[in-house]
Amino acid sequence: MQSRLSGACERRVVKSLITLKPFVHSPKEKKPKHCSTCGSLATLEAYFDVGDSVTMIEKYCDVCSKKIPYGT
């Protein structure tokens, strides 16, 4: 039996970096935000264009932000 979502899962998302912005943790936040790559405390937000007027935001630490590909 094949899932109805199988086609959506197979689709590859092409994203290109728009900008990097400093990320400051708010004292009101109960949980700190972590790097999407290594899990360290996030210091930057990366904004990616993923097509169809959609922007994806991912958080990174300083070390991992240097490894972000500009078009993946």
Protein backbone atom coordinates (compact mmCIF):
# COMPACT_ATOMS: atom_id res chain seq x y z
CA MET A 1 0.00 0.00 0.00
CA GLN A 2 1.45 3.36 -1.03
CA SER A 3 1.03 6.48 1.06
CA ARG A 4 -0.66 9.54 -0.43
CA LEU A 5 2.27 11.67 0.77
CA SER A 6 4.97 9.60 -0.93
CA GLY A 7 5.14 11.94 -3.94
CA ALA A 8 5.58 14.99 -1.70
CA CYS A 9 8.35 13.33 0.28
CA GLU A 10 10.32 12.50 -2.84
CA ARG A 11 10.31 16.10 -4.10
CA ARG A 12 13.67 17.80 -3.60
CA VAL A 13 13.56 21.37 -2.27
CA VAL A 14 15.96 23.73 -4.01
CA LYS A 15 16.90 26.58 -1.73
CA SER A 16 19.17 29.57 -2.25
CA LEU A 17 20.51 31.78 0.52
CA ILE A 18 19.04 35.29 0.59
CA THR A 19 20.69 36.73 3.70
CA LEU A 20 22.17 36.02 7.13
CA LYS A 21 21.02 38.05 10.14
CA PRO A 22 22.17 38.01 13.76
CA PHE A 23 19.82 36.08 16.03
CA VAL A 24 19.37 37.33 19.59
CA HIS A 25 17.63 35.15 22.14
CA SER A 26 14.73 36.88 23.86
CA PRO A 27 14.55 36.66 27.65
CA LYS A 28 10.82 35.83 27.25
CA GLU A 29 11.59 32.61 25.36
CA LYS A 30 11.47 29.58 27.60
CA LYS A 31 13.52 27.36 25.30
CA PRO A 32 16.75 28.53 23.64
CA LYS A 33 17.01 28.07 19.87
CA HIS A 34 19.64 25.70 18.54
CA CYS A 35 21.68 25.34 15.36
CA SER A 36 19.86 23.27 12.75
CA THR A 37 23.11 21.48 11.89
CA CYS A 38 25.01 20.74 15.11
CA GLY A 39 22.61 21.60 17.95
CA SER A 40 24.77 24.34 19.54
CA LEU A 41 23.19 27.61 20.62
CA ALA A 42 22.06 29.56 17.52
CA THR A 43 23.58 32.97 16.80
CA LEU A 44 22.42 33.59 13.21
CA GLU A 45 19.27 33.22 11.12
CA ALA A 46 19.64 32.22 7.48
CA TYR A 47 16.85 33.20 5.09
CA PHE A 48 16.46 30.93 2.06
CA ASP A 49 14.31 31.36 -1.05
CA VAL A 50 12.66 27.99 -1.73
CA GLY A 51 10.51 29.12 -4.67
CA ASP A 52 6.85 30.00 -5.10
CA SER A 53 7.35 33.17 -2.98
CA VAL A 54 8.26 31.07 0.08
CA THR A 55 11.09 31.99 2.44
CA MET A 56 12.49 29.39 4.83
CA ILE A 57 14.34 30.49 7.99
CA GLU A 58 16.92 28.26 9.66
CA LYS A 59 19.04 29.04 12.69
CA TYR A 60 22.80 28.35 12.81
CA CYS A 61 25.76 28.80 15.14
CA ASP A 62 28.79 30.84 13.98
CA VAL A 63 30.81 27.77 12.97
CA CYS A 64 28.07 26.10 10.90
CA SER A 65 27.02 29.39 9.26
CA LYS A 66 30.37 29.45 7.45
CA LYS A 67 29.48 26.11 5.80
CA ILE A 68 26.08 27.17 4.40
CA PRO A 69 25.96 26.56 0.64
CA TYR A 70 24.60 29.52 -1.31
CA GLY A 71 22.46 27.35 -3.58
CA THR A 72 21.50 23.78 -2.67
